N, C-alpha and C. Protein backbone atom coordinates (compact mmCIF):
# COMPACT_ATOMS: atom_id res chain seq x y z
N MET A 1 -16.55 -39.95 -4.71
CA MET A 1 -16.40 -40.57 -3.42
C MET A 1 -14.99 -41.13 -3.23
N LYS A 2 -14.46 -41.70 -4.31
CA LYS A 2 -13.13 -42.29 -4.27
C LYS A 2 -12.07 -41.21 -3.98
N LYS A 3 -12.26 -40.01 -4.57
CA LYS A 3 -11.32 -38.91 -4.33
C LYS A 3 -11.34 -38.48 -2.87
N ILE A 4 -12.51 -38.43 -2.28
CA ILE A 4 -12.65 -38.02 -0.88
C ILE A 4 -11.91 -39.00 0.03
N ILE A 5 -12.05 -40.28 -0.24
CA ILE A 5 -11.37 -41.30 0.56
C ILE A 5 -9.85 -41.18 0.41
N ILE A 6 -9.38 -40.96 -0.80
CA ILE A 6 -7.94 -40.81 -1.04
C ILE A 6 -7.41 -39.57 -0.33
N ILE A 7 -8.14 -38.48 -0.41
CA ILE A 7 -7.72 -37.24 0.27
C ILE A 7 -7.71 -37.45 1.78
N ALA A 8 -8.73 -38.11 2.31
CA ALA A 8 -8.80 -38.36 3.75
C ALA A 8 -7.62 -39.22 4.20
N LEU A 9 -7.30 -40.25 3.43
CA LEU A 9 -6.15 -41.10 3.76
C LEU A 9 -4.84 -40.32 3.70
N ALA A 10 -4.70 -39.45 2.71
CA ALA A 10 -3.49 -38.63 2.59
C ALA A 10 -3.34 -37.70 3.79
N VAL A 11 -4.43 -37.06 4.20
CA VAL A 11 -4.38 -36.15 5.35
C VAL A 11 -4.07 -36.93 6.62
N PHE A 12 -4.69 -38.08 6.79
CA PHE A 12 -4.44 -38.92 7.95
C PHE A 12 -2.98 -39.37 8.00
N SER A 13 -2.45 -39.80 6.87
CA SER A 13 -1.04 -40.23 6.79
C SER A 13 -0.10 -39.09 7.11
N LEU A 14 -0.39 -37.92 6.58
CA LEU A 14 0.44 -36.75 6.85
C LEU A 14 0.43 -36.41 8.33
N GLY A 15 -0.70 -36.55 8.97
CA GLY A 15 -0.81 -36.30 10.41
C GLY A 15 0.04 -37.25 11.21
N ILE A 16 0.04 -38.53 10.82
CA ILE A 16 0.86 -39.52 11.52
C ILE A 16 2.35 -39.23 11.32
N ILE A 17 2.74 -38.91 10.10
CA ILE A 17 4.13 -38.61 9.80
C ILE A 17 4.58 -37.39 10.59
N THR A 18 3.76 -36.35 10.64
CA THR A 18 4.10 -35.13 11.36
C THR A 18 4.23 -35.40 12.86
N ALA A 19 3.32 -36.18 13.40
CA ALA A 19 3.39 -36.51 14.83
C ALA A 19 4.65 -37.30 15.14
N LYS A 20 5.05 -38.20 14.27
CA LYS A 20 6.23 -39.01 14.46
C LYS A 20 7.51 -38.20 14.28
N ALA A 21 7.45 -37.16 13.45
CA ALA A 21 8.63 -36.36 13.14
C ALA A 21 9.10 -35.55 14.34
N ASP A 22 8.19 -35.09 15.16
CA ASP A 22 8.55 -34.28 16.32
C ASP A 22 8.72 -35.20 17.51
N ASN A 23 9.90 -35.82 17.61
CA ASN A 23 10.13 -36.85 18.59
C ASN A 23 11.21 -36.38 19.56
N ASP A 24 10.85 -35.54 20.52
CA ASP A 24 11.79 -35.01 21.51
C ASP A 24 11.74 -35.87 22.77
N ARG A 25 12.91 -36.04 23.38
CA ARG A 25 12.94 -36.76 24.65
C ARG A 25 14.08 -36.23 25.50
N LEU A 26 13.87 -36.25 26.81
CA LEU A 26 14.89 -35.83 27.74
C LEU A 26 15.91 -36.94 27.90
N ILE A 27 17.18 -36.53 27.96
CA ILE A 27 18.27 -37.49 28.12
C ILE A 27 19.25 -36.96 29.17
N ALA A 28 20.16 -37.79 29.59
CA ALA A 28 21.22 -37.37 30.51
C ALA A 28 22.35 -36.72 29.72
N LYS A 29 23.10 -35.85 30.37
CA LYS A 29 24.24 -35.19 29.72
C LYS A 29 25.20 -36.23 29.14
N GLU A 30 25.34 -37.34 29.81
CA GLU A 30 26.26 -38.40 29.38
C GLU A 30 25.83 -39.03 28.04
N ASN A 31 24.59 -38.81 27.64
CA ASN A 31 24.11 -39.36 26.37
C ASN A 31 24.32 -38.40 25.20
N LEU A 32 24.86 -37.22 25.48
CA LEU A 32 25.23 -36.30 24.39
C LEU A 32 26.46 -36.85 23.69
N PRO A 33 26.69 -36.45 22.44
CA PRO A 33 27.96 -36.80 21.79
C PRO A 33 29.14 -36.27 22.64
N LYS A 34 30.25 -36.99 22.64
CA LYS A 34 31.42 -36.61 23.45
C LYS A 34 31.86 -35.16 23.18
N LYS A 35 31.80 -34.74 21.93
CA LYS A 35 32.21 -33.38 21.58
C LYS A 35 31.34 -32.34 22.30
N ALA A 36 30.05 -32.60 22.40
CA ALA A 36 29.14 -31.68 23.10
C ALA A 36 29.43 -31.68 24.59
N GLN A 37 29.69 -32.85 25.15
CA GLN A 37 30.02 -32.94 26.57
C GLN A 37 31.29 -32.14 26.88
N GLN A 38 32.29 -32.29 26.04
CA GLN A 38 33.55 -31.56 26.24
C GLN A 38 33.33 -30.05 26.11
N PHE A 39 32.49 -29.64 25.17
CA PHE A 39 32.19 -28.22 24.98
C PHE A 39 31.54 -27.65 26.24
N ILE A 40 30.58 -28.36 26.80
CA ILE A 40 29.91 -27.91 28.02
C ILE A 40 30.90 -27.84 29.17
N ASP A 41 31.71 -28.89 29.32
CA ASP A 41 32.69 -28.92 30.41
C ASP A 41 33.72 -27.79 30.29
N SER A 42 34.07 -27.42 29.07
CA SER A 42 35.07 -26.36 28.85
C SER A 42 34.49 -24.96 29.03
N ASN A 43 33.26 -24.75 28.58
CA ASN A 43 32.72 -23.39 28.52
C ASN A 43 31.64 -23.09 29.55
N PHE A 44 31.01 -24.11 30.11
CA PHE A 44 29.91 -23.90 31.06
C PHE A 44 30.05 -24.81 32.28
N LYS A 45 31.29 -25.04 32.71
CA LYS A 45 31.54 -26.00 33.78
C LYS A 45 30.90 -25.62 35.11
N ASN A 46 30.70 -24.33 35.36
CA ASN A 46 30.10 -23.89 36.62
C ASN A 46 28.60 -23.65 36.52
N SER A 47 28.01 -24.00 35.38
CA SER A 47 26.58 -23.77 35.17
C SER A 47 25.80 -25.06 35.43
N LYS A 48 24.67 -24.90 36.10
CA LYS A 48 23.82 -26.05 36.39
C LYS A 48 22.90 -26.33 35.20
N ILE A 49 22.88 -27.57 34.77
CA ILE A 49 22.03 -27.97 33.65
C ILE A 49 20.62 -28.23 34.15
N THR A 50 19.64 -27.60 33.49
CA THR A 50 18.23 -27.82 33.81
C THR A 50 17.72 -29.06 33.09
N TYR A 51 17.98 -29.14 31.79
CA TYR A 51 17.63 -30.34 31.04
C TYR A 51 18.48 -30.47 29.79
N VAL A 52 18.53 -31.70 29.28
CA VAL A 52 19.17 -32.02 28.01
C VAL A 52 18.12 -32.74 27.19
N LYS A 53 17.92 -32.28 25.96
CA LYS A 53 16.86 -32.84 25.13
C LYS A 53 17.44 -33.35 23.82
N ASP A 54 17.01 -34.52 23.42
CA ASP A 54 17.35 -35.14 22.14
C ASP A 54 16.18 -34.83 21.22
N GLU A 55 16.44 -34.13 20.11
CA GLU A 55 15.38 -33.74 19.19
C GLU A 55 15.59 -34.43 17.85
N SER A 56 14.59 -35.15 17.40
CA SER A 56 14.67 -35.85 16.11
C SER A 56 13.56 -35.36 15.19
N TYR A 57 13.93 -35.01 13.98
CA TYR A 57 12.99 -34.57 12.96
C TYR A 57 13.35 -35.29 11.67
N PHE A 58 12.46 -36.12 11.18
CA PHE A 58 12.68 -36.89 9.96
C PHE A 58 14.10 -37.44 9.94
N LEU A 59 14.98 -36.87 9.12
CA LEU A 59 16.35 -37.38 9.01
C LEU A 59 17.36 -36.56 9.81
N GLU A 60 16.89 -35.56 10.52
CA GLU A 60 17.79 -34.68 11.25
C GLU A 60 17.70 -34.95 12.75
N LYS A 61 18.85 -34.87 13.41
CA LYS A 61 18.90 -35.06 14.85
C LYS A 61 19.72 -33.93 15.46
N SER A 62 19.25 -33.39 16.58
CA SER A 62 19.99 -32.35 17.27
C SER A 62 19.75 -32.49 18.77
N TYR A 63 20.48 -31.69 19.52
CA TYR A 63 20.40 -31.73 20.97
C TYR A 63 20.25 -30.31 21.48
N GLU A 64 19.52 -30.16 22.58
CA GLU A 64 19.35 -28.85 23.21
C GLU A 64 19.66 -28.99 24.69
N VAL A 65 20.49 -28.07 25.18
CA VAL A 65 20.84 -28.06 26.59
C VAL A 65 20.41 -26.72 27.16
N LEU A 66 19.63 -26.76 28.23
CA LEU A 66 19.19 -25.53 28.90
C LEU A 66 19.82 -25.49 30.28
N PHE A 67 20.43 -24.35 30.61
CA PHE A 67 21.06 -24.16 31.90
C PHE A 67 20.14 -23.36 32.82
N ALA A 68 20.37 -23.44 34.11
CA ALA A 68 19.52 -22.78 35.10
C ALA A 68 19.46 -21.27 34.92
N ASP A 69 20.51 -20.65 34.38
CA ASP A 69 20.52 -19.20 34.19
C ASP A 69 19.79 -18.77 32.90
N GLY A 70 19.20 -19.72 32.17
CA GLY A 70 18.47 -19.40 30.95
C GLY A 70 19.28 -19.58 29.68
N THR A 71 20.57 -19.84 29.81
CA THR A 71 21.41 -20.06 28.63
C THR A 71 20.98 -21.35 27.94
N LYS A 72 20.91 -21.28 26.61
CA LYS A 72 20.51 -22.46 25.83
C LYS A 72 21.57 -22.71 24.76
N VAL A 73 21.98 -23.96 24.61
CA VAL A 73 22.95 -24.35 23.59
C VAL A 73 22.33 -25.47 22.76
N GLU A 74 22.40 -25.30 21.44
CA GLU A 74 21.93 -26.35 20.54
C GLU A 74 23.12 -26.95 19.81
N PHE A 75 23.12 -28.28 19.70
CA PHE A 75 24.18 -29.01 19.04
C PHE A 75 23.61 -29.82 17.88
N ASN A 76 24.45 -30.07 16.87
CA ASN A 76 24.03 -30.96 15.78
C ASN A 76 24.31 -32.41 16.20
N ARG A 77 24.04 -33.34 15.33
CA ARG A 77 24.18 -34.76 15.66
C ARG A 77 25.62 -35.15 15.99
N LYS A 78 26.60 -34.38 15.48
CA LYS A 78 28.01 -34.67 15.75
C LYS A 78 28.50 -34.07 17.07
N GLY A 79 27.66 -33.23 17.70
CA GLY A 79 28.05 -32.60 18.95
C GLY A 79 28.69 -31.24 18.76
N GLU A 80 28.60 -30.68 17.55
CA GLU A 80 29.12 -29.33 17.29
C GLU A 80 28.02 -28.33 17.60
N TRP A 81 28.38 -27.23 18.25
CA TRP A 81 27.34 -26.26 18.58
C TRP A 81 26.80 -25.58 17.32
N LYS A 82 25.49 -25.34 17.33
CA LYS A 82 24.81 -24.65 16.23
C LYS A 82 24.38 -23.26 16.68
N GLU A 83 23.87 -23.18 17.90
CA GLU A 83 23.38 -21.90 18.42
C GLU A 83 23.58 -21.84 19.92
N ILE A 84 23.98 -20.64 20.38
CA ILE A 84 24.13 -20.40 21.81
C ILE A 84 23.39 -19.11 22.11
N ASP A 85 22.50 -19.18 23.08
CA ASP A 85 21.68 -18.02 23.46
C ASP A 85 21.86 -17.78 24.95
N CYS A 86 22.58 -16.71 25.29
CA CYS A 86 22.80 -16.34 26.69
C CYS A 86 21.90 -15.13 26.98
N ARG A 87 20.76 -15.37 27.53
CA ARG A 87 19.76 -14.31 27.73
C ARG A 87 20.18 -13.27 28.77
N ARG A 88 20.86 -13.72 29.81
CA ARG A 88 21.18 -12.80 30.91
C ARG A 88 22.67 -12.49 31.03
N SER A 89 23.46 -13.08 30.18
CA SER A 89 24.90 -12.82 30.24
C SER A 89 25.43 -12.77 28.82
N SER A 90 26.73 -12.73 28.68
CA SER A 90 27.29 -12.70 27.33
C SER A 90 27.89 -14.06 26.98
N ILE A 91 28.02 -14.29 25.69
CA ILE A 91 28.62 -15.52 25.20
C ILE A 91 30.07 -15.55 25.68
N PRO A 92 30.56 -16.66 26.22
CA PRO A 92 31.97 -16.73 26.62
C PRO A 92 32.88 -16.40 25.42
N ALA A 93 33.86 -15.56 25.65
CA ALA A 93 34.76 -15.10 24.59
C ALA A 93 35.49 -16.26 23.92
N THR A 94 35.68 -17.35 24.64
CA THR A 94 36.39 -18.50 24.07
C THR A 94 35.61 -19.18 22.95
N ILE A 95 34.31 -18.92 22.89
CA ILE A 95 33.46 -19.55 21.88
C ILE A 95 33.41 -18.73 20.59
N VAL A 96 33.42 -17.41 20.73
CA VAL A 96 33.26 -16.51 19.59
C VAL A 96 34.54 -16.50 18.75
N PRO A 97 34.42 -16.71 17.43
CA PRO A 97 35.62 -16.62 16.58
C PRO A 97 36.34 -15.29 16.78
N ALA A 98 37.66 -15.33 16.80
CA ALA A 98 38.48 -14.17 17.12
C ALA A 98 38.16 -12.95 16.24
N LYS A 99 37.95 -13.14 14.95
CA LYS A 99 37.68 -12.00 14.06
C LYS A 99 36.34 -11.35 14.36
N ILE A 100 35.36 -12.12 14.76
CA ILE A 100 34.06 -11.56 15.13
C ILE A 100 34.21 -10.78 16.44
N LEU A 101 34.89 -11.37 17.40
CA LEU A 101 35.11 -10.72 18.68
C LEU A 101 35.88 -9.42 18.50
N GLU A 102 36.90 -9.44 17.66
CA GLU A 102 37.69 -8.24 17.38
C GLU A 102 36.82 -7.15 16.75
N TYR A 103 35.96 -7.52 15.81
CA TYR A 103 35.08 -6.54 15.16
C TYR A 103 34.13 -5.91 16.19
N VAL A 104 33.52 -6.73 17.01
CA VAL A 104 32.57 -6.21 18.01
C VAL A 104 33.28 -5.32 19.01
N ASN A 105 34.43 -5.76 19.51
CA ASN A 105 35.16 -4.96 20.50
C ASN A 105 35.64 -3.63 19.94
N SER A 106 36.00 -3.58 18.67
CA SER A 106 36.50 -2.32 18.11
C SER A 106 35.38 -1.40 17.63
N ASN A 107 34.20 -1.92 17.35
CA ASN A 107 33.13 -1.08 16.82
C ASN A 107 31.98 -0.84 17.79
N TYR A 108 31.86 -1.64 18.81
CA TYR A 108 30.74 -1.53 19.75
C TYR A 108 31.23 -1.73 21.18
N GLN A 109 31.92 -0.74 21.73
CA GLN A 109 32.43 -0.84 23.08
C GLN A 109 31.24 -0.95 24.05
N ASP A 110 31.45 -1.67 25.13
CA ASP A 110 30.44 -1.86 26.17
C ASP A 110 29.18 -2.56 25.68
N VAL A 111 29.29 -3.33 24.61
CA VAL A 111 28.16 -4.10 24.09
C VAL A 111 28.53 -5.58 24.21
N ARG A 112 27.57 -6.38 24.64
CA ARG A 112 27.82 -7.81 24.83
C ARG A 112 27.21 -8.62 23.68
N ILE A 113 27.82 -9.74 23.38
CA ILE A 113 27.26 -10.69 22.42
C ILE A 113 26.36 -11.63 23.22
N LEU A 114 25.06 -11.58 22.94
CA LEU A 114 24.10 -12.38 23.69
C LEU A 114 23.76 -13.69 23.00
N GLN A 115 23.91 -13.72 21.69
CA GLN A 115 23.53 -14.91 20.94
C GLN A 115 24.46 -15.07 19.74
N ILE A 116 24.79 -16.31 19.44
CA ILE A 116 25.57 -16.61 18.25
C ILE A 116 25.00 -17.88 17.62
N GLU A 117 24.91 -17.85 16.31
CA GLU A 117 24.38 -18.99 15.57
C GLU A 117 25.27 -19.21 14.35
N ARG A 118 25.53 -20.47 14.04
CA ARG A 118 26.34 -20.76 12.86
C ARG A 118 25.69 -21.89 12.08
N ASP A 119 25.89 -21.81 10.78
CA ASP A 119 25.47 -22.90 9.91
C ASP A 119 26.54 -23.09 8.85
N ARG A 120 26.21 -23.73 7.77
CA ARG A 120 27.23 -24.03 6.77
C ARG A 120 27.77 -22.80 6.05
N VAL A 121 27.00 -21.73 6.00
CA VAL A 121 27.41 -20.58 5.20
C VAL A 121 27.72 -19.31 5.98
N ASP A 122 27.25 -19.20 7.23
CA ASP A 122 27.49 -17.94 7.93
C ASP A 122 27.39 -18.07 9.45
N TYR A 123 27.75 -16.96 10.09
CA TYR A 123 27.59 -16.78 11.53
C TYR A 123 26.67 -15.59 11.71
N GLU A 124 25.78 -15.68 12.69
CA GLU A 124 24.93 -14.54 13.02
C GLU A 124 25.03 -14.30 14.51
N ILE A 125 25.24 -13.03 14.88
CA ILE A 125 25.32 -12.69 16.30
C ILE A 125 24.24 -11.66 16.62
N LYS A 126 23.80 -11.68 17.87
CA LYS A 126 22.87 -10.67 18.36
C LYS A 126 23.55 -9.98 19.53
N LEU A 127 23.57 -8.65 19.49
CA LEU A 127 24.25 -7.86 20.51
C LEU A 127 23.27 -7.31 21.53
N SER A 128 23.78 -6.88 22.67
CA SER A 128 22.94 -6.32 23.72
C SER A 128 22.30 -4.99 23.33
N ASN A 129 22.80 -4.36 22.26
CA ASN A 129 22.18 -3.12 21.77
C ASN A 129 21.12 -3.41 20.69
N GLN A 130 20.71 -4.68 20.58
CA GLN A 130 19.67 -5.17 19.67
C GLN A 130 20.10 -5.30 18.21
N LEU A 131 21.36 -5.02 17.90
CA LEU A 131 21.84 -5.23 16.53
C LEU A 131 22.05 -6.71 16.27
N GLU A 132 21.76 -7.12 15.05
CA GLU A 132 22.05 -8.47 14.59
C GLU A 132 23.01 -8.34 13.41
N ILE A 133 24.15 -9.00 13.50
CA ILE A 133 25.18 -8.89 12.47
C ILE A 133 25.44 -10.29 11.92
N THR A 134 25.46 -10.39 10.59
CA THR A 134 25.73 -11.65 9.92
C THR A 134 27.08 -11.58 9.23
N PHE A 135 27.90 -12.61 9.44
CA PHE A 135 29.22 -12.72 8.84
C PHE A 135 29.24 -13.96 7.95
N ASP A 136 30.00 -13.90 6.86
CA ASP A 136 30.18 -15.10 6.05
C ASP A 136 31.26 -15.97 6.72
N LYS A 137 31.60 -17.08 6.13
CA LYS A 137 32.59 -18.00 6.73
C LYS A 137 34.00 -17.41 6.78
N LYS A 138 34.25 -16.35 5.99
CA LYS A 138 35.54 -15.67 6.05
C LYS A 138 35.48 -14.45 6.97
N PHE A 139 34.38 -14.31 7.68
CA PHE A 139 34.15 -13.26 8.67
C PHE A 139 34.01 -11.86 8.06
N ASN A 140 33.55 -11.80 6.83
CA ASN A 140 33.17 -10.54 6.21
C ASN A 140 31.72 -10.26 6.57
N ILE A 141 31.39 -9.02 6.82
CA ILE A 141 30.02 -8.68 7.20
C ILE A 141 29.11 -8.78 5.98
N ILE A 142 28.01 -9.52 6.15
CA ILE A 142 27.03 -9.68 5.09
C ILE A 142 25.85 -8.73 5.31
N ASP A 143 25.44 -8.60 6.60
CA ASP A 143 24.23 -7.85 6.90
C ASP A 143 24.28 -7.34 8.32
N ILE A 144 23.66 -6.19 8.55
CA ILE A 144 23.46 -5.64 9.89
C ILE A 144 22.00 -5.21 9.98
N ASP A 145 21.30 -5.76 10.97
CA ASP A 145 19.89 -5.42 11.20
C ASP A 145 19.72 -4.86 12.60
N ASN A 146 18.75 -3.91 12.73
CA ASN A 146 18.42 -3.46 14.09
C ASN A 146 17.04 -3.89 14.43
């Protein structure tokens, strides 16, 4: 009986922790880190913002901005972009690292970069021809998936 009570308490506690961990809330653009605000003003100044969301998970914090055209940008807690997803258009060339842009332009003419994601170890792009290409931090190709 004692084991059942301990298990029930553990499951209940885990449920509370999980519910508390997913703590999203809508915020104003002005509440984003300054770096994120400047990024939006530089690269998406003519785009209408649908919402800005503050996302908190345990010790991690991030921000998500959705534009009226379906473009979504995710930022880390410092305001640096993590992922940009342009569903109906291409990623602005000013955002894509020059070596990645050069590779795509020389190997895939008439193909657009629809999505770009970066983390500590690599960049991943998704092209309009459905290819996904992963580059390391030195912009060497690691993987190509279709």
